Amino acid sequence: MKETMLKLSKKMLFAIEAVVDIAYNAAGEPVQSRDITARQGIPKRYLEQTLQQLVRADILVGVRGPRGGYRLARERRRITLADIVSVIRSMETSDDPIEDPAGSPLGKEVVRPLWRELQDEMMVALTRITVEDLCNRARDAGLRSGIEESPDFII
């Protein structure tokens, strides 16, 4: 898979917010996309496509039916930001300037390799941040949750 330049796109931000919303607000019941849209202000056109990709990547599970919605596929401590970011990066199709064959020798030999290193370091850092970490930050920030201390993973 060709990696695109790591940047915080709207789609990536929305995906992270949606997964954390599901983890933070699921009270043993699936979280419906309309509730995520209402709480986070994520446009439905971005949300549904993104949620389906996260289901295909085994980050979320889609539950059908009138009480259906989405829930985590794994415990929130076992889902990292790198997992989510990797899914969204694979969806984004913008050209990566690092891969452009045109450019100066300085750019090709110094700047682009440095940028690749920085992207790699960022992905390593994202593997150390879990959805549970972000849920704890939300709690510490005083954000209300749909649950108090309920399980976040249902078999």
C-alpha atoms as a PDB file:
ATOM      1  CA  MET A   1       0.000   0.000   0.000  1.00  0.00           C
ATOM      2  CA  LYS A   2       1.311   3.420  -0.927  1.00  0.00           C
ATOM      3  CA  GLU A   3       1.432   5.637   2.137  1.00  0.00           C
ATOM      4  CA  THR A   4       0.260   9.204   1.655  1.00  0.00           C
ATOM      5  CA  MET A   5       1.712  12.138   3.513  1.00  0.00           C
ATOM      6  CA  LEU A   6       0.539  12.161   7.116  1.00  0.00           C
ATOM      7  CA  LYS A   7      -1.652  15.174   7.734  1.00  0.00           C
ATOM      8  CA  LEU A   8      -4.669  15.731   9.909  1.00  0.00           C
ATOM      9  CA  SER A   9      -7.481  15.794   7.382  1.00  0.00           C
ATOM     10  CA  LYS A  10     -11.134  16.364   8.243  1.00  0.00           C
ATOM     11  CA  LYS A  11     -11.833  12.704   7.509  1.00  0.00           C
ATOM     12  CA  MET A  12      -9.065  11.573   9.893  1.00  0.00           C
ATOM     13  CA  LEU A  13     -10.226  13.926  12.641  1.00  0.00           C
ATOM     14  CA  PHE A  14     -13.832  12.770  12.207  1.00  0.00           C
ATOM     15  CA  ALA A  15     -12.795   9.083  12.296  1.00  0.00           C
ATOM     16  CA  ILE A  16     -10.870   9.521  15.551  1.00  0.00           C
ATOM     17  CA  GLU A  17     -13.728  11.513  17.094  1.00  0.00           C
ATOM     18  CA  ALA A  18     -16.293   8.906  15.992  1.00  0.00           C
ATOM     19  CA  VAL A  19     -14.364   5.941  17.446  1.00  0.00           C
ATOM     20  CA  VAL A  20     -13.762   7.784  20.716  1.00  0.00           C
ATOM     21  CA  ASP A  21     -17.434   8.827  20.812  1.00  0.00           C
ATOM     22  CA  ILE A  22     -18.495   5.187  20.422  1.00  0.00           C
ATOM     23  CA  ALA A  23     -16.066   4.079  23.137  1.00  0.00           C
ATOM     24  CA  TYR A  24     -17.061   6.901  25.468  1.00  0.00           C
ATOM     25  CA  ASN A  25     -20.828   6.702  25.021  1.00  0.00           C
ATOM     26  CA  ALA A  26     -21.642   3.027  24.434  1.00  0.00           C
ATOM     27  CA  ALA A  27     -23.565   1.775  27.452  1.00  0.00           C
ATOM     28  CA  GLY A  28     -23.653  -1.838  26.314  1.00  0.00           C
ATOM     29  CA  GLU A  29     -25.797  -0.801  23.339  1.00  0.00           C
ATOM     30  CA  PRO A  30     -24.597   0.043  19.834  1.00  0.00           C
ATOM     31  CA  VAL A  31     -24.125   3.759  19.182  1.00  0.00           C
ATOM     32  CA  GLN A  32     -26.145   5.076  16.269  1.00  0.00           C
ATOM     33  CA  SER A  33     -24.497   7.273  13.674  1.00  0.00           C
ATOM     34  CA  ARG A  34     -27.162   9.973  14.097  1.00  0.00           C
ATOM     35  CA  ASP A  35     -26.172  10.238  17.785  1.00  0.00           C
ATOM     36  CA  ILE A  36     -22.494  10.644  16.835  1.00  0.00           C
ATOM     37  CA  THR A  37     -23.496  13.319  14.303  1.00  0.00           C
ATOM     38  CA  ALA A  38     -25.552  15.140  16.937  1.00  0.00           C
ATOM     39  CA  ARG A  39     -22.842  15.020  19.621  1.00  0.00           C
ATOM     40  CA  GLN A  40     -19.783  15.675  17.457  1.00  0.00           C
ATOM     41  CA  GLY A  41     -21.191  17.703  14.563  1.00  0.00           C
ATOM     42  CA  ILE A  42     -19.680  15.310  12.015  1.00  0.00           C
ATOM     43  CA  PRO A  43     -21.444  15.557   8.653  1.00  0.00           C
ATOM     44  CA  LYS A  44     -23.330  12.344   7.858  1.00  0.00           C
ATOM     45  CA  ARG A  45     -21.754  12.126   4.384  1.00  0.00           C
ATOM     46  CA  TYR A  46     -18.290  11.734   5.965  1.00  0.00           C
ATOM     47  CA  LEU A  47     -19.415   9.623   8.867  1.00  0.00           C
ATOM     48  CA  GLU A  48     -21.145   6.661   7.203  1.00  0.00           C
ATOM     49  CA  GLN A  49     -18.354   5.998   4.689  1.00  0.00           C
ATOM     50  CA  THR A  50     -15.734   6.290   7.410  1.00  0.00           C
ATOM     51  CA  LEU A  51     -17.589   4.034   9.846  1.00  0.00           C
ATOM     52  CA  GLN A  52     -17.923   1.351   7.165  1.00  0.00           C
ATOM     53  CA  GLN A  53     -14.179   1.444   6.515  1.00  0.00           C
ATOM     54  CA  LEU A  54     -13.533   1.097  10.246  1.00  0.00           C
ATOM     55  CA  VAL A  55     -15.854  -1.933  10.304  1.00  0.00           C
ATOM     56  CA  ARG A  56     -13.922  -3.525   7.413  1.00  0.00           C
ATOM     57  CA  ALA A  57     -10.692  -2.923   9.349  1.00  0.00           C
ATOM     58  CA  ASP A  58     -12.076  -4.671  12.472  1.00  0.00           C
ATOM     59  CA  ILE A  59     -11.938  -1.529  14.577  1.00  0.00           C
ATOM     60  CA  LEU A  60     -15.737  -1.315  14.783  1.00  0.00           C
ATOM     61  CA  VAL A  61     -18.588  -3.781  14.470  1.00  0.00           C
ATOM     62  CA  GLY A  62     -21.769  -2.765  12.685  1.00  0.00           C
ATOM     63  CA  VAL A  63     -24.984  -3.979  14.306  1.00  0.00           C
ATOM     64  CA  ARG A  64     -28.052  -4.149  12.050  1.00  0.00           C
ATOM     65  CA  GLY A  65     -31.640  -3.551  13.007  1.00  0.00           C
ATOM     66  CA  PRO A  66     -33.774  -0.791  14.551  1.00  0.00           C
ATOM     67  CA  ARG A  67     -31.586  -0.681  17.684  1.00  0.00           C
ATOM     68  CA  GLY A  68     -28.443  -1.151  15.610  1.00  0.00           C
ATOM     69  CA  GLY A  69     -25.419   1.057  15.264  1.00  0.00           C
ATOM     70  CA  TYR A  70     -21.725   0.651  15.958  1.00  0.00           C
ATOM     71  CA  ARG A  71     -19.620  -0.690  18.784  1.00  0.00           C
ATOM     72  CA  LEU A  72     -15.931  -1.366  19.253  1.00  0.00           C
ATOM     73  CA  ALA A  73     -14.590  -4.607  17.767  1.00  0.00           C
ATOM     74  CA  ARG A  74     -11.951  -4.815  20.521  1.00  0.00           C
ATOM     75  CA  GLU A  75     -11.402  -3.372  23.962  1.00  0.00           C
ATOM     76  CA  ARG A  76     -10.668   0.328  23.767  1.00  0.00           C
ATOM     77  CA  ARG A  77      -7.244  -0.231  25.312  1.00  0.00           C
ATOM     78  CA  ARG A  78      -6.438  -2.454  22.306  1.00  0.00           C
ATOM     79  CA  ILE A  79      -7.283   0.096  19.610  1.00  0.00           C
ATOM     80  CA  THR A  80      -4.571   2.650  18.908  1.00  0.00           C
ATOM     81  CA  LEU A  81      -4.666   5.926  17.051  1.00  0.00           C
ATOM     82  CA  ALA A  82      -2.264   4.322  14.561  1.00  0.00           C
ATOM     83  CA  ASP A  83      -4.940   1.713  13.786  1.00  0.00           C
ATOM     84  CA  ILE A  84      -7.481   4.428  12.972  1.00  0.00           C
ATOM     85  CA  VAL A  85      -5.024   6.666  11.113  1.00  0.00           C
ATOM     86  CA  SER A  86      -3.846   3.770   8.925  1.00  0.00           C
ATOM     87  CA  VAL A  87      -7.412   3.059   7.791  1.00  0.00           C
ATOM     88  CA  ILE A  88      -8.084   6.677   6.912  1.00  0.00           C
ATOM     89  CA  ARG A  89      -4.730   7.150   5.168  1.00  0.00           C
ATOM     90  CA  SER A  90      -5.584   4.214   2.913  1.00  0.00           C
ATOM     91  CA  MET A  91      -8.890   5.935   2.004  1.00  0.00           C
ATOM     92  CA  GLU A  92      -7.341   9.272   1.101  1.00  0.00           C
ATOM     93  CA  THR A  93      -6.239   9.595  -2.489  1.00  0.00           C
ATOM     94  CA  SER A  94      -4.403  12.914  -2.611  1.00  0.00           C
ATOM     95  CA  ASP A  95      -1.028  12.928  -4.315  1.00  0.00           C
ATOM     96  CA  ASP A  96       1.907  12.744  -1.965  1.00  0.00           C
ATOM     97  CA  PRO A  97       4.522  15.395  -2.850  1.00  0.00           C
ATOM     98  CA  ILE A  98       7.202  13.189  -1.276  1.00  0.00           C
ATOM     99  CA  GLU A  99       6.656  10.642  -4.066  1.00  0.00           C
ATOM    100  CA  ASP A 100       6.808  13.209  -6.897  1.00  0.00           C
ATOM    101  CA  PRO A 101       9.813  12.310  -9.093  1.00  0.00           C
ATOM    102  CA  ALA A 102      10.394  15.992  -9.916  1.00  0.00           C
ATOM    103  CA  GLY A 103      12.400  18.067  -7.528  1.00  0.00           C
ATOM    104  CA  SER A 104      15.815  19.350  -6.649  1.00  0.00           C
ATOM    105  CA  PRO A 105      18.654  17.131  -5.430  1.00  0.00           C
ATOM    106  CA  LEU A 106      18.412  18.843  -2.018  1.00  0.00           C
ATOM    107  CA  GLY A 107      14.723  18.047  -1.827  1.00  0.00           C
ATOM    108  CA  LYS A 108      15.155  14.437  -2.957  1.00  0.00           C
ATOM    109  CA  GLU A 109      18.210  13.638  -0.837  1.00  0.00           C
ATOM    110  CA  VAL A 110      17.599  15.692   2.314  1.00  0.00           C
ATOM    111  CA  VAL A 111      14.133  17.154   2.779  1.00  0.00           C
ATOM    112  CA  ARG A 112      11.983  14.230   1.576  1.00  0.00           C
ATOM    113  CA  PRO A 113      13.904  11.547   3.513  1.00  0.00           C
ATOM    114  CA  LEU A 114      13.649  13.723   6.625  1.00  0.00           C
ATOM    115  CA  TRP A 115       9.896  14.076   6.101  1.00  0.00           C
ATOM    116  CA  ARG A 116       9.544  10.272   5.727  1.00  0.00           C
ATOM    117  CA  GLU A 117      11.439   9.803   9.007  1.00  0.00           C
ATOM    118  CA  LEU A 118       9.161  12.284  10.771  1.00  0.00           C
ATOM    119  CA  GLN A 119       6.064  10.517   9.430  1.00  0.00           C
ATOM    120  CA  ASP A 120       7.430   7.168  10.626  1.00  0.00           C
ATOM    121  CA  GLU A 121       8.129   8.630  14.092  1.00  0.00           C
ATOM    122  CA  MET A 122       4.606  10.049  14.228  1.00  0.00           C
ATOM    123  CA  MET A 123       3.089   6.637  13.408  1.00  0.00           C
ATOM    124  CA  VAL A 124       5.205   5.015  16.132  1.00  0.00           C
ATOM    125  CA  ALA A 125       3.983   7.646  18.598  1.00  0.00           C
ATOM    126  CA  LEU A 126       0.374   6.977  17.542  1.00  0.00           C
ATOM    127  CA  THR A 127       0.802   3.272  18.362  1.00  0.00           C
ATOM    128  CA  ARG A 128       1.318   4.295  21.987  1.00  0.00           C
ATOM    129  CA  ILE A 129      -1.961   6.225  22.254  1.00  0.00           C
ATOM    130  CA  THR A 130      -5.091   4.146  22.707  1.00  0.00           C
ATOM    131  CA  VAL A 131      -8.773   4.947  22.468  1.00  0.00           C
ATOM    132  CA  GLU A 132      -8.897   4.329  26.218  1.00  0.00           C
ATOM    133  CA  ASP A 133      -6.283   7.084  26.694  1.00  0.00           C
ATOM    134  CA  LEU A 134      -8.519   9.522  24.805  1.00  0.00           C
ATOM    135  CA  CYS A 135     -11.587   8.423  26.791  1.00  0.00           C
ATOM    136  CA  ASN A 136      -9.629   9.127  29.984  1.00  0.00           C
ATOM    137  CA  ARG A 137      -8.697  12.563  28.652  1.00  0.00           C
ATOM    138  CA  ALA A 138     -12.359  13.247  27.881  1.00  0.00           C
ATOM    139  CA  ARG A 139     -13.335  12.203  31.415  1.00  0.00           C
ATOM    140  CA  ASP A 140     -10.527  14.332  32.908  1.00  0.00           C
ATOM    141  CA  ALA A 141     -11.747  17.280  30.822  1.00  0.00           C
ATOM    142  CA  GLY A 142     -15.174  16.882  32.435  1.00  0.00           C
ATOM    143  CA  LEU A 143     -16.997  15.758  29.301  1.00  0.00           C
ATOM    144  CA  ARG A 144     -20.201  13.884  30.049  1.00  0.00           C
ATOM    145  CA  SER A 145     -20.282  10.265  28.992  1.00  0.00           C
ATOM    146  CA  GLY A 146     -23.201   8.054  28.044  1.00  0.00           C
ATOM    147  CA  ILE A 147     -21.764   5.540  30.510  1.00  0.00           C
ATOM    148  CA  GLU A 148     -19.959   5.685  33.793  1.00  0.00           C
ATOM    149  CA  GLU A 149     -17.975   2.507  34.308  1.00  0.00           C
ATOM    150  CA  SER A 150     -19.558   0.030  31.888  1.00  0.00           C
ATOM    151  CA  PRO A 151     -17.728  -2.529  29.791  1.00  0.00           C
ATOM    152  CA  ASP A 152     -16.493  -1.136  26.478  1.00  0.00           C
ATOM    153  CA  PHE A 153     -16.266  -4.472  24.710  1.00  0.00           C
ATOM    154  CA  ILE A 154     -19.086  -6.950  24.362  1.00  0.00           C
ATOM    155  CA  ILE A 155     -18.660 -10.512  23.158  1.00  0.00           C
END
